[in-house]
């Protein structure tokens, strides 16, 4: 299963914020570090804030940070939120759809995919937080 670029960016944002602990980060920092369009990240950040994954603080000293501990951010749930309608194939208009077993097989495969992701939290992805911080600080140079 191939995830959308939107989901990729969402996961990158929460990993970046998780690696930075409780401190505030800016969208510009994340955009620069990952070489992602600022405008694309704005949309992702707004959605993550609406879904309760991150807090946004406006103003001169504002920024973004995780809204909850990394151990409470389930990767499967996050990806379900960002991959709206994650059917692997659209069989709706296929002439053999009534007799074809592929949709059921693909649904099982998708379920298995999410079953694995459901076993991980953001905290699991940040077990080497210091190395992530080190890489990011090298990119700042």
C-alpha atoms as a PDB file:
ATOM      1  CA  UNK A   1       0.000   0.000   0.000  1.00  0.00           C
ATOM      2  CA  UNK A   2       1.370   3.391  -0.923  1.00  0.00           C
ATOM      3  CA  UNK A   3       0.596   6.241   1.436  1.00  0.00           C
ATOM      4  CA  UNK A   4      -0.192   9.701   0.131  1.00  0.00           C
ATOM      5  CA  UNK A   5       2.290  12.539   0.301  1.00  0.00           C
ATOM      6  CA  UNK A   6      -0.131  14.234   2.704  1.00  0.00           C
ATOM      7  CA  UNK A   7       0.179  11.318   5.142  1.00  0.00           C
ATOM      8  CA  UNK A   8       3.951  11.306   4.713  1.00  0.00           C
ATOM      9  CA  UNK A   9       4.067  14.979   5.680  1.00  0.00           C
ATOM     10  CA  UNK A  10       1.733  14.461   8.643  1.00  0.00           C
ATOM     11  CA  UNK A  11       3.911  11.673  10.033  1.00  0.00           C
ATOM     12  CA  UNK A  12       7.046  13.759   9.477  1.00  0.00           C
ATOM     13  CA  UNK A  13       5.494  16.681  11.357  1.00  0.00           C
ATOM     14  CA  UNK A  14       4.614  14.620  14.427  1.00  0.00           C
ATOM     15  CA  UNK A  15       8.042  12.926  14.421  1.00  0.00           C
ATOM     16  CA  UNK A  16       9.747  16.322  14.203  1.00  0.00           C
ATOM     17  CA  UNK A  17       7.626  17.727  17.026  1.00  0.00           C
ATOM     18  CA  UNK A  18       8.065  14.577  19.100  1.00  0.00           C
ATOM     19  CA  UNK A  19      11.840  14.772  18.712  1.00  0.00           C
ATOM     20  CA  UNK A  20      11.749  18.348  19.994  1.00  0.00           C
ATOM     21  CA  UNK A  21       9.885  17.513  23.176  1.00  0.00           C
ATOM     22  CA  UNK A  22       7.617  20.136  24.647  1.00  0.00           C
ATOM     23  CA  UNK A  23       9.314  23.092  22.970  1.00  0.00           C
ATOM     24  CA  UNK A  24       7.648  25.125  20.259  1.00  0.00           C
ATOM     25  CA  UNK A  25       8.664  24.690  16.643  1.00  0.00           C
ATOM     26  CA  UNK A  26       7.697  26.677  13.592  1.00  0.00           C
ATOM     27  CA  UNK A  27       6.267  25.452  10.330  1.00  0.00           C
ATOM     28  CA  UNK A  28       9.169  27.248   8.654  1.00  0.00           C
ATOM     29  CA  UNK A  29      11.641  25.110  10.641  1.00  0.00           C
ATOM     30  CA  UNK A  30       9.909  21.894   9.597  1.00  0.00           C
ATOM     31  CA  UNK A  31       9.598  23.081   6.011  1.00  0.00           C
ATOM     32  CA  UNK A  32      13.308  23.901   5.851  1.00  0.00           C
ATOM     33  CA  UNK A  33      14.452  20.676   7.523  1.00  0.00           C
ATOM     34  CA  UNK A  34      12.407  18.398   5.289  1.00  0.00           C
ATOM     35  CA  UNK A  35      12.550  20.586   2.153  1.00  0.00           C
ATOM     36  CA  UNK A  36       8.746  20.597   1.974  1.00  0.00           C
ATOM     37  CA  UNK A  37       6.638  23.483   0.697  1.00  0.00           C
ATOM     38  CA  UNK A  38       5.548  25.802   3.509  1.00  0.00           C
ATOM     39  CA  UNK A  39       2.051  26.015   1.995  1.00  0.00           C
ATOM     40  CA  UNK A  40       1.666  22.232   1.912  1.00  0.00           C
ATOM     41  CA  UNK A  41       2.756  21.992   5.539  1.00  0.00           C
ATOM     42  CA  UNK A  42       0.279  24.685   6.564  1.00  0.00           C
ATOM     43  CA  UNK A  43      -2.582  22.481   5.370  1.00  0.00           C
ATOM     44  CA  UNK A  44      -1.186  19.432   7.155  1.00  0.00           C
ATOM     45  CA  UNK A  45      -0.611  21.364  10.398  1.00  0.00           C
ATOM     46  CA  UNK A  46      -4.125  22.810  10.330  1.00  0.00           C
ATOM     47  CA  UNK A  47      -5.563  19.330   9.913  1.00  0.00           C
ATOM     48  CA  UNK A  48      -3.369  17.848  12.659  1.00  0.00           C
ATOM     49  CA  UNK A  49      -4.472  20.664  14.986  1.00  0.00           C
ATOM     50  CA  UNK A  50      -8.145  20.117  14.120  1.00  0.00           C
ATOM     51  CA  UNK A  51      -7.739  16.405  14.869  1.00  0.00           C
ATOM     52  CA  UNK A  52      -6.092  17.158  18.238  1.00  0.00           C
ATOM     53  CA  UNK A  53      -2.599  15.880  17.461  1.00  0.00           C
ATOM     54  CA  UNK A  54      -0.870  19.242  17.782  1.00  0.00           C
ATOM     55  CA  UNK A  55      -1.379  22.576  19.495  1.00  0.00           C
ATOM     56  CA  UNK A  56      -0.876  25.811  17.602  1.00  0.00           C
ATOM     57  CA  UNK A  57       0.003  29.018  19.381  1.00  0.00           C
ATOM     58  CA  UNK A  58      -0.308  32.214  17.395  1.00  0.00           C
ATOM     59  CA  UNK A  59       1.621  35.394  17.779  1.00  0.00           C
ATOM     60  CA  UNK A  60       5.199  36.565  17.965  1.00  0.00           C
ATOM     61  CA  UNK A  61       6.317  33.798  20.314  1.00  0.00           C
ATOM     62  CA  UNK A  62       3.958  31.220  18.858  1.00  0.00           C
ATOM     63  CA  UNK A  63       4.594  27.917  17.187  1.00  0.00           C
ATOM     64  CA  UNK A  64       3.408  24.346  17.188  1.00  0.00           C
ATOM     65  CA  UNK A  65       3.941  21.369  19.477  1.00  0.00           C
ATOM     66  CA  UNK A  66       2.394  18.003  20.199  1.00  0.00           C
ATOM     67  CA  UNK A  67      -0.950  18.244  21.967  1.00  0.00           C
ATOM     68  CA  UNK A  68      -0.394  14.970  23.829  1.00  0.00           C
ATOM     69  CA  UNK A  69       2.471  12.708  24.796  1.00  0.00           C
ATOM     70  CA  UNK A  70       4.013  10.624  21.991  1.00  0.00           C
ATOM     71  CA  UNK A  71       2.869   7.463  23.793  1.00  0.00           C
ATOM     72  CA  UNK A  72      -0.745   8.552  23.207  1.00  0.00           C
ATOM     73  CA  UNK A  73      -0.400   9.100  19.452  1.00  0.00           C
ATOM     74  CA  UNK A  74      -1.213   5.840  17.690  1.00  0.00           C
ATOM     75  CA  UNK A  75       0.364   5.585  14.238  1.00  0.00           C
ATOM     76  CA  UNK A  76      -2.468   3.493  12.769  1.00  0.00           C
ATOM     77  CA  UNK A  77      -5.077   5.986  13.939  1.00  0.00           C
ATOM     78  CA  UNK A  78      -3.057   8.929  12.628  1.00  0.00           C
ATOM     79  CA  UNK A  79      -2.682   7.333   9.208  1.00  0.00           C
ATOM     80  CA  UNK A  80      -6.382   6.431   9.069  1.00  0.00           C
ATOM     81  CA  UNK A  81      -7.161  10.117   9.696  1.00  0.00           C
ATOM     82  CA  UNK A  82      -4.902  11.299   6.901  1.00  0.00           C
ATOM     83  CA  UNK A  83      -5.657   8.527   4.389  1.00  0.00           C
ATOM     84  CA  UNK A  84      -9.325   9.235   3.915  1.00  0.00           C
ATOM     85  CA  UNK A  85     -10.873   6.367   1.987  1.00  0.00           C
ATOM     86  CA  UNK A  86      -7.843   4.118   1.832  1.00  0.00           C
ATOM     87  CA  UNK A  87      -9.217   1.552  -0.585  1.00  0.00           C
ATOM     88  CA  UNK A  88      -6.370   0.068  -2.591  1.00  0.00           C
ATOM     89  CA  UNK A  89      -8.424  -0.111  -5.777  1.00  0.00           C
ATOM     90  CA  UNK A  90     -11.732   1.312  -6.941  1.00  0.00           C
ATOM     91  CA  UNK A  91     -13.845  -1.588  -8.195  1.00  0.00           C
ATOM     92  CA  UNK A  92     -17.120   0.329  -8.261  1.00  0.00           C
ATOM     93  CA  UNK A  93     -17.409   0.558 -12.048  1.00  0.00           C
ATOM     94  CA  UNK A  94     -15.694  -2.702 -12.952  1.00  0.00           C
ATOM     95  CA  UNK A  95     -17.870  -5.062 -14.999  1.00  0.00           C
ATOM     96  CA  UNK A  96     -16.652  -8.176 -13.187  1.00  0.00           C
ATOM     97  CA  UNK A  97     -17.034  -6.671  -9.691  1.00  0.00           C
ATOM     98  CA  UNK A  98     -20.078  -8.777  -8.738  1.00  0.00           C
ATOM     99  CA  UNK A  99     -18.120 -12.011  -9.241  1.00  0.00           C
ATOM    100  CA  UNK A 100     -14.594 -10.860  -8.401  1.00  0.00           C
ATOM    101  CA  UNK A 101     -12.973 -11.763  -5.091  1.00  0.00           C
ATOM    102  CA  UNK A 102     -10.162  -9.184  -5.348  1.00  0.00           C
ATOM    103  CA  UNK A 103     -11.932  -6.469  -3.287  1.00  0.00           C
ATOM    104  CA  UNK A 104     -12.271  -8.865  -0.333  1.00  0.00           C
ATOM    105  CA  UNK A 105      -8.634  -9.912  -0.574  1.00  0.00           C
ATOM    106  CA  UNK A 106      -7.478  -6.304  -0.739  1.00  0.00           C
ATOM    107  CA  UNK A 107      -9.692  -5.371   2.216  1.00  0.00           C
ATOM    108  CA  UNK A 108      -8.026  -8.121   4.263  1.00  0.00           C
ATOM    109  CA  UNK A 109      -4.596  -6.885   3.187  1.00  0.00           C
ATOM    110  CA  UNK A 110      -5.497  -3.327   4.205  1.00  0.00           C
ATOM    111  CA  UNK A 111      -6.786  -4.568   7.562  1.00  0.00           C
ATOM    112  CA  UNK A 112      -3.520  -6.441   8.134  1.00  0.00           C
ATOM    113  CA  UNK A 113      -1.541  -3.319   7.223  1.00  0.00           C
ATOM    114  CA  UNK A 114      -3.431  -1.259   9.800  1.00  0.00           C
ATOM    115  CA  UNK A 115      -3.258  -4.046  12.382  1.00  0.00           C
ATOM    116  CA  UNK A 116       0.534  -3.673  12.301  1.00  0.00           C
ATOM    117  CA  UNK A 117       0.423   0.138  12.463  1.00  0.00           C
ATOM    118  CA  UNK A 118      -2.033  -0.015  15.369  1.00  0.00           C
ATOM    119  CA  UNK A 119       0.692  -1.668  17.458  1.00  0.00           C
ATOM    120  CA  UNK A 120       2.913   1.415  17.324  1.00  0.00           C
ATOM    121  CA  UNK A 121       2.814   4.850  18.854  1.00  0.00           C
ATOM    122  CA  UNK A 122       4.854   7.927  18.115  1.00  0.00           C
ATOM    123  CA  UNK A 123       6.932   7.073  21.190  1.00  0.00           C
ATOM    124  CA  UNK A 124       7.973   3.825  19.466  1.00  0.00           C
ATOM    125  CA  UNK A 125       9.251   5.838  16.504  1.00  0.00           C
ATOM    126  CA  UNK A 126      11.222   8.149  18.778  1.00  0.00           C
ATOM    127  CA  UNK A 127      13.269   5.591  20.677  1.00  0.00           C
ATOM    128  CA  UNK A 128      16.407   7.270  19.339  1.00  0.00           C
ATOM    129  CA  UNK A 129      15.229  10.849  19.818  1.00  0.00           C
ATOM    130  CA  UNK A 130      18.765  12.136  20.384  1.00  0.00           C
ATOM    131  CA  UNK A 131      19.896  10.857  16.986  1.00  0.00           C
ATOM    132  CA  UNK A 132      16.944  12.568  15.287  1.00  0.00           C
ATOM    133  CA  UNK A 133      17.796  15.809  17.104  1.00  0.00           C
ATOM    134  CA  UNK A 134      21.453  15.428  16.087  1.00  0.00           C
ATOM    135  CA  UNK A 135      20.557  14.990  12.410  1.00  0.00           C
ATOM    136  CA  UNK A 136      18.277  18.019  12.501  1.00  0.00           C
ATOM    137  CA  UNK A 137      20.960  20.160  14.177  1.00  0.00           C
ATOM    138  CA  UNK A 138      23.466  19.145  11.474  1.00  0.00           C
ATOM    139  CA  UNK A 139      20.995  20.286   8.839  1.00  0.00           C
ATOM    140  CA  UNK A 140      20.754  23.705  10.530  1.00  0.00           C
ATOM    141  CA  UNK A 141      24.424  24.417   9.755  1.00  0.00           C
END
